[in-house]
Amino acid sequence: MRKQQAGFTLIEIAIVLVIIGLLLGGVLKGQELITSARVRNLISTQDGVKAAYFGFLDRFRALPGDYTAATTNITGVSTAACGGGNGNGNGRIETTNNENVLAWEHISKAGFINGTYTCAATEDNTTTPVNPYGVRMQLIYDGAYGIAGAGATRHNLKTGPQIPVEIIAEVDRKIDDGAPYTGGFQFSAYSAGATAPTEGSATAPACTSGATTAATWNAINGSTNCGGVSVF
């Protein structure tokens, strides 16, 4: 006589489903915690540089990189490159004499940020701090941000590229208005010598849904190469 094969009971199936649900919940929660940590890290990095910028301005009554008496008043500033270690004093951190790179030497040698960032003939990863994704940042006076890089000419701190769009979008929501083309935190196509982030399309790999002030961050397309900018 054939033995009847026993199947799973409803209770056993329910237990398995509960276990699967707990496992999935744990994975999703873990991913959420990782994302939150990355957002906090990026915000902290931006805030640290901004604090250094304003601290330098308060102490020396001049801008880092633009300071004309840096070699006199700051110990260890190199005189080998970037205008002999001093800026031109016009009140703007420009690419003239690589003031945008010299700025990092001024604020690091003055003790406002950790690390040593000696000014060199070109802007590269050995002379500037990097974002949490290992790509250099930029502190400069220009309007190369916002829609088609045509923002108002202001001092700004660019995050650098290679940041996932969902991270940039969450940073914007936490510190500003959540929109890529308005407020004090906006989209930046700064490439840092790599592939520049793209904008203005609802499809991948664009970071923004359009090229108007009504556009949103394209958080659903999964772009991993986006950048932002804090405008002072």
C-alpha atoms as a PDB file:
ATOM      1  CA  MET A   1       0.000   0.000   0.000  1.00  0.00           C
ATOM      2  CA  ARG A   2       1.390   3.429  -0.996  1.00  0.00           C
ATOM      3  CA  LYS A   3       2.214   5.814   1.750  1.00  0.00           C
ATOM      4  CA  GLN A   4       0.635   9.247   1.407  1.00  0.00           C
ATOM      5  CA  GLN A   5       3.312  11.969   1.153  1.00  0.00           C
ATOM      6  CA  ALA A   6       2.996  14.525   3.903  1.00  0.00           C
ATOM      7  CA  GLY A   7       2.942  18.174   2.879  1.00  0.00           C
ATOM      8  CA  PHE A   8       3.637  21.393   4.757  1.00  0.00           C
ATOM      9  CA  THR A   9       0.987  22.547   7.153  1.00  0.00           C
ATOM     10  CA  LEU A  10      -0.370  26.085   7.063  1.00  0.00           C
ATOM     11  CA  ILE A  11       1.446  26.838  10.298  1.00  0.00           C
ATOM     12  CA  GLU A  12       4.783  25.722   8.840  1.00  0.00           C
ATOM     13  CA  ILE A  13       4.230  27.807   5.703  1.00  0.00           C
ATOM     14  CA  ALA A  14       3.292  30.798   7.854  1.00  0.00           C
ATOM     15  CA  ILE A  15       6.486  30.415   9.918  1.00  0.00           C
ATOM     16  CA  VAL A  16       8.616  30.282   6.750  1.00  0.00           C
ATOM     17  CA  LEU A  17       6.921  33.395   5.388  1.00  0.00           C
ATOM     18  CA  VAL A  18       7.486  35.236   8.665  1.00  0.00           C
ATOM     19  CA  ILE A  19      11.186  34.307   8.611  1.00  0.00           C
ATOM     20  CA  ILE A  20      11.529  35.480   4.993  1.00  0.00           C
ATOM     21  CA  GLY A  21       9.767  38.715   5.893  1.00  0.00           C
ATOM     22  CA  LEU A  22      12.123  39.318   8.812  1.00  0.00           C
ATOM     23  CA  LEU A  23      15.154  38.665   6.634  1.00  0.00           C
ATOM     24  CA  LEU A  24      13.945  41.041   3.914  1.00  0.00           C
ATOM     25  CA  GLY A  25      13.091  43.650   6.527  1.00  0.00           C
ATOM     26  CA  GLY A  26      16.573  43.378   7.972  1.00  0.00           C
ATOM     27  CA  VAL A  27      18.198  43.787   4.550  1.00  0.00           C
ATOM     28  CA  LEU A  28      16.082  46.818   3.714  1.00  0.00           C
ATOM     29  CA  LYS A  29      16.705  48.381   7.115  1.00  0.00           C
ATOM     30  CA  GLY A  30      20.419  47.795   6.725  1.00  0.00           C
ATOM     31  CA  GLN A  31      20.399  49.475   3.321  1.00  0.00           C
ATOM     32  CA  GLU A  32      18.487  52.399   4.790  1.00  0.00           C
ATOM     33  CA  LEU A  33      21.053  52.782   7.564  1.00  0.00           C
ATOM     34  CA  ILE A  34      23.914  52.707   5.036  1.00  0.00           C
ATOM     35  CA  THR A  35      22.210  55.398   2.927  1.00  0.00           C
ATOM     36  CA  SER A  36      21.590  57.564   6.005  1.00  0.00           C
ATOM     37  CA  ALA A  37      25.225  57.233   7.051  1.00  0.00           C
ATOM     38  CA  ARG A  38      26.424  58.286   3.595  1.00  0.00           C
ATOM     39  CA  VAL A  39      24.093  61.286   3.594  1.00  0.00           C
ATOM     40  CA  ARG A  40      25.332  62.361   7.026  1.00  0.00           C
ATOM     41  CA  ASN A  41      28.938  61.898   5.917  1.00  0.00           C
ATOM     42  CA  LEU A  42      28.467  64.075   2.843  1.00  0.00           C
ATOM     43  CA  ILE A  43      26.683  66.791   4.832  1.00  0.00           C
ATOM     44  CA  SER A  44      29.393  66.690   7.505  1.00  0.00           C
ATOM     45  CA  THR A  45      32.124  67.021   4.867  1.00  0.00           C
ATOM     46  CA  GLN A  46      30.419  70.040   3.296  1.00  0.00           C
ATOM     47  CA  ASP A  47      29.773  71.658   6.682  1.00  0.00           C
ATOM     48  CA  GLY A  48      33.378  71.129   7.743  1.00  0.00           C
ATOM     49  CA  VAL A  49      34.763  72.931   4.703  1.00  0.00           C
ATOM     50  CA  LYS A  50      32.248  75.759   5.013  1.00  0.00           C
ATOM     51  CA  ALA A  51      33.169  76.203   8.671  1.00  0.00           C
ATOM     52  CA  ALA A  52      36.858  76.329   7.675  1.00  0.00           C
ATOM     53  CA  TYR A  53      36.120  78.903   4.960  1.00  0.00           C
ATOM     54  CA  PHE A  54      34.267  81.242   7.313  1.00  0.00           C
ATOM     55  CA  GLY A  55      36.730  80.639  10.152  1.00  0.00           C
ATOM     56  CA  PHE A  56      39.624  81.631   7.892  1.00  0.00           C
ATOM     57  CA  LEU A  57      37.736  84.718   6.721  1.00  0.00           C
ATOM     58  CA  ASP A  58      37.009  85.724  10.318  1.00  0.00           C
ATOM     59  CA  ARG A  59      40.616  85.294  11.490  1.00  0.00           C
ATOM     60  CA  PHE A  60      42.525  86.807   8.567  1.00  0.00           C
ATOM     61  CA  ARG A  61      39.878  89.133   7.096  1.00  0.00           C
ATOM     62  CA  ALA A  62      40.690  87.571   3.730  1.00  0.00           C
ATOM     63  CA  LEU A  63      39.596  84.582   1.693  1.00  0.00           C
ATOM     64  CA  PRO A  64      41.648  81.384   1.568  1.00  0.00           C
ATOM     65  CA  GLY A  65      43.524  81.184  -1.709  1.00  0.00           C
ATOM     66  CA  ASP A  66      43.048  84.916  -2.275  1.00  0.00           C
ATOM     67  CA  TYR A  67      44.984  86.025   0.821  1.00  0.00           C
ATOM     68  CA  THR A  68      47.911  88.289  -0.115  1.00  0.00           C
ATOM     69  CA  ALA A  69      49.873  87.815   3.136  1.00  0.00           C
ATOM     70  CA  ALA A  70      49.509  84.061   3.580  1.00  0.00           C
ATOM     71  CA  THR A  71      53.251  83.304   3.368  1.00  0.00           C
ATOM     72  CA  THR A  72      53.882  85.927   6.057  1.00  0.00           C
ATOM     73  CA  ASN A  73      51.119  85.046   8.500  1.00  0.00           C
ATOM     74  CA  ILE A  74      50.617  81.282   8.005  1.00  0.00           C
ATOM     75  CA  THR A  75      53.435  78.890   8.853  1.00  0.00           C
ATOM     76  CA  GLY A  76      54.511  76.476   6.150  1.00  0.00           C
ATOM     77  CA  VAL A  77      52.682  77.893   3.115  1.00  0.00           C
ATOM     78  CA  SER A  78      54.580  76.872  -0.005  1.00  0.00           C
ATOM     79  CA  THR A  79      56.062  79.582  -2.187  1.00  0.00           C
ATOM     80  CA  ALA A  80      56.832  77.196  -5.052  1.00  0.00           C
ATOM     81  CA  ALA A  81      53.572  77.407  -6.962  1.00  0.00           C
ATOM     82  CA  CYS A  82      50.297  79.302  -7.323  1.00  0.00           C
ATOM     83  CA  GLY A  83      51.483  82.886  -7.304  1.00  0.00           C
ATOM     84  CA  GLY A  84      54.261  82.272  -4.801  1.00  0.00           C
ATOM     85  CA  GLY A  85      51.841  81.064  -2.133  1.00  0.00           C
ATOM     86  CA  ASN A  86      49.750  84.229  -1.994  1.00  0.00           C
ATOM     87  CA  GLY A  87      46.559  85.248  -3.755  1.00  0.00           C
ATOM     88  CA  ASN A  88      45.921  88.521  -5.547  1.00  0.00           C
ATOM     89  CA  GLY A  89      43.560  89.954  -2.921  1.00  0.00           C
ATOM     90  CA  ASN A  90      40.652  90.800  -5.205  1.00  0.00           C
ATOM     91  CA  GLY A  91      38.102  89.171  -2.911  1.00  0.00           C
ATOM     92  CA  ARG A  92      37.481  86.165  -5.163  1.00  0.00           C
ATOM     93  CA  ILE A  93      38.797  82.599  -5.132  1.00  0.00           C
ATOM     94  CA  GLU A  94      39.434  82.267  -8.856  1.00  0.00           C
ATOM     95  CA  THR A  95      41.430  80.031 -11.168  1.00  0.00           C
ATOM     96  CA  THR A  96      43.974  82.860 -11.540  1.00  0.00           C
ATOM     97  CA  ASN A  97      47.230  81.503 -10.063  1.00  0.00           C
ATOM     98  CA  ASN A  98      45.182  78.434  -9.130  1.00  0.00           C
ATOM     99  CA  GLU A  99      43.692  80.252  -6.127  1.00  0.00           C
ATOM    100  CA  ASN A 100      40.990  77.568  -6.011  1.00  0.00           C
ATOM    101  CA  VAL A 101      43.727  75.014  -5.271  1.00  0.00           C
ATOM    102  CA  LEU A 102      45.805  77.344  -3.099  1.00  0.00           C
ATOM    103  CA  ALA A 103      42.731  77.816  -0.901  1.00  0.00           C
ATOM    104  CA  TRP A 104      43.150  74.290   0.443  1.00  0.00           C
ATOM    105  CA  GLU A 105      46.758  74.965   1.410  1.00  0.00           C
ATOM    106  CA  HIS A 106      45.797  78.180   3.190  1.00  0.00           C
ATOM    107  CA  ILE A 107      43.022  76.675   5.288  1.00  0.00           C
ATOM    108  CA  SER A 108      44.913  73.452   6.052  1.00  0.00           C
ATOM    109  CA  LYS A 109      48.180  75.162   7.025  1.00  0.00           C
ATOM    110  CA  ALA A 110      46.160  77.604   9.140  1.00  0.00           C
ATOM    111  CA  GLY A 111      44.722  74.628  11.006  1.00  0.00           C
ATOM    112  CA  PHE A 112      41.089  74.856   9.895  1.00  0.00           C
ATOM    113  CA  ILE A 113      40.981  71.423   8.216  1.00  0.00           C
ATOM    114  CA  ASN A 114      42.975  68.244   8.674  1.00  0.00           C
ATOM    115  CA  GLY A 115      45.495  67.092   6.118  1.00  0.00           C
ATOM    116  CA  THR A 116      48.126  68.813   4.015  1.00  0.00           C
ATOM    117  CA  TYR A 117      47.066  70.168   0.632  1.00  0.00           C
ATOM    118  CA  THR A 118      50.055  71.794  -1.037  1.00  0.00           C
ATOM    119  CA  CYS A 119      49.246  73.906  -4.065  1.00  0.00           C
ATOM    120  CA  ALA A 120      50.490  72.491  -7.360  1.00  0.00           C
ATOM    121  CA  ALA A 121      50.395  73.598 -10.972  1.00  0.00           C
ATOM    122  CA  THR A 122      47.183  71.683 -11.633  1.00  0.00           C
ATOM    123  CA  GLU A 123      44.071  70.812  -9.697  1.00  0.00           C
ATOM    124  CA  ASP A 124      44.185  67.107  -8.887  1.00  0.00           C
ATOM    125  CA  ASN A 125      43.473  64.631  -6.121  1.00  0.00           C
ATOM    126  CA  THR A 126      46.880  65.132  -4.500  1.00  0.00           C
ATOM    127  CA  THR A 127      46.280  68.802  -3.779  1.00  0.00           C
ATOM    128  CA  THR A 128      42.611  68.976  -2.778  1.00  0.00           C
ATOM    129  CA  PRO A 129      40.373  67.177  -0.281  1.00  0.00           C
ATOM    130  CA  VAL A 130      38.001  64.541  -1.617  1.00  0.00           C
ATOM    131  CA  ASN A 131      34.341  63.770  -1.017  1.00  0.00           C
ATOM    132  CA  PRO A 132      33.228  60.535   0.721  1.00  0.00           C
ATOM    133  CA  TYR A 133      33.368  58.788  -2.687  1.00  0.00           C
ATOM    134  CA  GLY A 134      37.037  59.610  -3.227  1.00  0.00           C
ATOM    135  CA  VAL A 135      36.633  62.391  -5.809  1.00  0.00           C
ATOM    136  CA  ARG A 136      38.010  65.877  -5.322  1.00  0.00           C
ATOM    137  CA  MET A 137      35.906  68.828  -4.188  1.00  0.00           C
ATOM    138  CA  GLN A 138      36.223  72.400  -5.416  1.00  0.00           C
ATOM    139  CA  LEU A 139      36.081  75.724  -3.556  1.00  0.00           C
ATOM    140  CA  ILE A 140      35.801  78.566  -6.063  1.00  0.00           C
ATOM    141  CA  TYR A 141      34.134  81.779  -7.209  1.00  0.00           C
ATOM    142  CA  ASP A 142      32.139  81.035 -10.356  1.00  0.00           C
ATOM    143  CA  GLY A 143      28.674  80.343 -11.751  1.00  0.00           C
ATOM    144  CA  ALA A 144      29.334  76.846 -13.060  1.00  0.00           C
ATOM    145  CA  TYR A 145      26.374  75.167 -11.414  1.00  0.00           C
ATOM    146  CA  GLY A 146      22.586  75.026 -11.736  1.00  0.00           C
ATOM    147  CA  ILE A 147      20.801  74.809 -15.090  1.00  0.00           C
ATOM    148  CA  ALA A 148      23.389  74.278 -17.852  1.00  0.00           C
ATOM    149  CA  GLY A 149      26.107  75.626 -15.564  1.00  0.00           C
ATOM    150  CA  ALA A 150      24.664  79.142 -15.718  1.00  0.00           C
ATOM    151  CA  GLY A 151      24.139  79.938 -12.051  1.00  0.00           C
ATOM    152  CA  ALA A 152      24.756  83.252 -10.326  1.00  0.00           C
ATOM    153  CA  THR A 153      28.477  83.959  -9.919  1.00  0.00           C
ATOM    154  CA  ARG A 154      29.137  83.289  -6.237  1.00  0.00           C
ATOM    155  CA  HIS A 155      31.595  81.558  -3.969  1.00  0.00           C
ATOM    156  CA  ASN A 156      30.598  77.937  -3.790  1.00  0.00           C
ATOM    157  CA  LEU A 157      31.732  74.510  -2.666  1.00  0.00           C
ATOM    158  CA  LYS A 158      31.218  71.706  -5.167  1.00  0.00           C
ATOM    159  CA  THR A 159      30.870  68.172  -3.814  1.00  0.00           C
ATOM    160  CA  GLY A 160      32.537  66.569  -6.809  1.00  0.00           C
ATOM    161  CA  PRO A 161      30.921  63.818  -8.926  1.00  0.00           C
ATOM    162  CA  GLN A 162      30.479  60.037  -8.501  1.00  0.00           C
ATOM    163  CA  ILE A 163      27.732  60.446  -5.893  1.00  0.00           C
ATOM    164  CA  PRO A 164      24.524  58.394  -6.337  1.00  0.00           C
ATOM    165  CA  VAL A 165      21.547  60.593  -7.155  1.00  0.00           C
ATOM    166  CA  GLU A 166      19.517  59.278  -4.219  1.00  0.00           C
ATOM    167  CA  ILE A 167      22.257  60.474  -1.849  1.00  0.00           C
ATOM    168  CA  ILE A 168      22.435  63.934  -3.447  1.00  0.00           C
ATOM    169  CA  ALA A 169      18.625  64.203  -3.400  1.00  0.00           C
ATOM    170  CA  GLU A 170      18.458  63.285   0.291  1.00  0.00           C
ATOM    171  CA  VAL A 171      21.221  65.772   1.149  1.00  0.00           C
ATOM    172  CA  ASP A 172      19.226  68.493  -0.635  1.00  0.00           C
ATOM    173  CA  ARG A 173      16.064  67.543   1.261  1.00  0.00           C
ATOM    174  CA  LYS A 174      17.872  67.648   4.599  1.00  0.00           C
ATOM    175  CA  ILE A 175      19.795  70.917   4.227  1.00  0.00           C
ATOM    176  CA  ASP A 176      17.834  72.886   1.619  1.00  0.00           C
ATOM    177  CA  ASP A 177      14.614  72.789  -0.416  1.00  0.00           C
ATOM    178  CA  GLY A 178      15.010  69.403  -2.112  1.00  0.00           C
ATOM    179  CA  ALA A 179      15.063  70.942  -5.616  1.00  0.00           C
ATOM    180  CA  PRO A 180      18.151  70.718  -7.885  1.00  0.00           C
ATOM    181  CA  TYR A 181      17.967  74.218  -9.351  1.00  0.00           C
ATOM    182  CA  THR A 182      16.838  76.451  -6.493  1.00  0.00           C
ATOM    183  CA  GLY A 183      18.066  77.361  -3.042  1.00  0.00           C
ATOM    184  CA  GLY A 184      21.489  77.124  -1.466  1.00  0.00           C
ATOM    185  CA  PHE A 185      22.240  73.565  -2.607  1.00  0.00           C
ATOM    186  CA  GLN A 186      21.949  72.805  -6.325  1.00  0.00           C
ATOM    187  CA  PHE A 187      23.024  70.456  -9.106  1.00  0.00           C
ATOM    188  CA  SER A 188      26.639  70.640 -10.259  1.00  0.00           C
ATOM    189  CA  ALA A 189      28.164  69.134 -13.387  1.00  0.00           C
ATOM    190  CA  TYR A 190      31.707  69.622 -12.052  1.00  0.00           C
ATOM    191  CA  SER A 191      33.674  66.627 -13.340  1.00  0.00           C
ATOM    192  CA  ALA A 192      36.817  66.747 -11.156  1.00  0.00           C
ATOM    193  CA  GLY A 193      38.714  65.422 -14.157  1.00  0.00           C
ATOM    194  CA  ALA A 194      36.374  62.451 -14.617  1.00  0.00           C
ATOM    195  CA  THR A 195      33.008  62.023 -16.366  1.00  0.00           C
ATOM    196  CA  ALA A 196      30.747  65.009 -15.760  1.00  0.00           C
ATOM    197  CA  PRO A 197      27.287  64.416 -14.262  1.00  0.00           C
ATOM    198  CA  THR A 198      24.463  64.986 -16.748  1.00  0.00           C
ATOM    199  CA  GLU A 199      21.158  66.787 -16.308  1.00  0.00           C
ATOM    200  CA  GLY A 200      17.842  67.603 -17.911  1.00  0.00           C
ATOM    201  CA  SER A 201      16.246  64.253 -18.744  1.00  0.00           C
ATOM    202  CA  ALA A 202      13.825  61.918 -17.016  1.00  0.00           C
ATOM    203  CA  THR A 203      15.830  58.925 -18.234  1.00  0.00           C
ATOM    204  CA  ALA A 204      19.173  57.542 -17.100  1.00  0.00           C
ATOM    205  CA  PRO A 205      21.872  58.621 -16.647  1.00  0.00           C
ATOM    206  CA  ALA A 206      20.642  62.178 -16.042  1.00  0.00           C
ATOM    207  CA  CYS A 207      20.615  63.402 -12.453  1.00  0.00           C
ATOM    208  CA  THR A 208      17.684  65.791 -12.914  1.00  0.00           C
ATOM    209  CA  SER A 209      14.313  65.380 -14.590  1.00  0.00           C
ATOM    210  CA  GLY A 210      14.497  68.539 -16.677  1.00  0.00           C
ATOM    211  CA  ALA A 211      16.335  71.816 -17.234  1.00  0.00           C
ATOM    212  CA  THR A 212      13.902  74.170 -15.505  1.00  0.00           C
ATOM    213  CA  THR A 213      13.522  75.415 -11.949  1.00  0.00           C
ATOM    214  CA  ALA A 214      10.565  73.048 -11.597  1.00  0.00           C
ATOM    215  CA  ALA A 215      12.749  69.981 -12.217  1.00  0.00           C
ATOM    216  CA  THR A 216      13.353  67.339  -9.573  1.00  0.00           C
ATOM    217  CA  TRP A 217      16.219  65.035  -8.712  1.00  0.00           C
ATOM    218  CA  ASN A 218      15.934  61.898 -10.832  1.00  0.00           C
ATOM    219  CA  ALA A 219      16.080  59.654  -7.777  1.00  0.00           C
ATOM    220  CA  ILE A 220      14.399  56.694  -9.508  1.00  0.00           C
ATOM    221  CA  ASN A 221      16.820  56.261 -12.412  1.00  0.00           C
ATOM    222  CA  GLY A 222      19.706  55.003 -10.298  1.00  0.00           C
ATOM    223  CA  SER A 223      22.395  57.356 -11.649  1.00  0.00           C
ATOM    224  CA  THR A 224      25.610  56.906  -9.677  1.00  0.00           C
ATOM    225  CA  ASN A 225      27.428  59.923 -11.090  1.00  0.00           C
ATOM    226  CA  CYS A 226      25.860  63.091  -9.678  1.00  0.00           C
ATOM    227  CA  GLY A 227      27.168  66.147  -7.901  1.00  0.00           C
ATOM    228  CA  GLY A 228      25.936  69.113  -5.948  1.00  0.00           C
ATOM    229  CA  VAL A 229      27.108  72.528  -4.834  1.00  0.00           C
ATOM    230  CA  SER A 230      26.689  74.614  -1.691  1.00  0.00           C
ATOM    231  CA  VAL A 231      26.397  78.278  -2.622  1.00  0.00           C
ATOM    232  CA  PHE A 232      27.604  80.899  -0.108  1.00  0.00           C
END
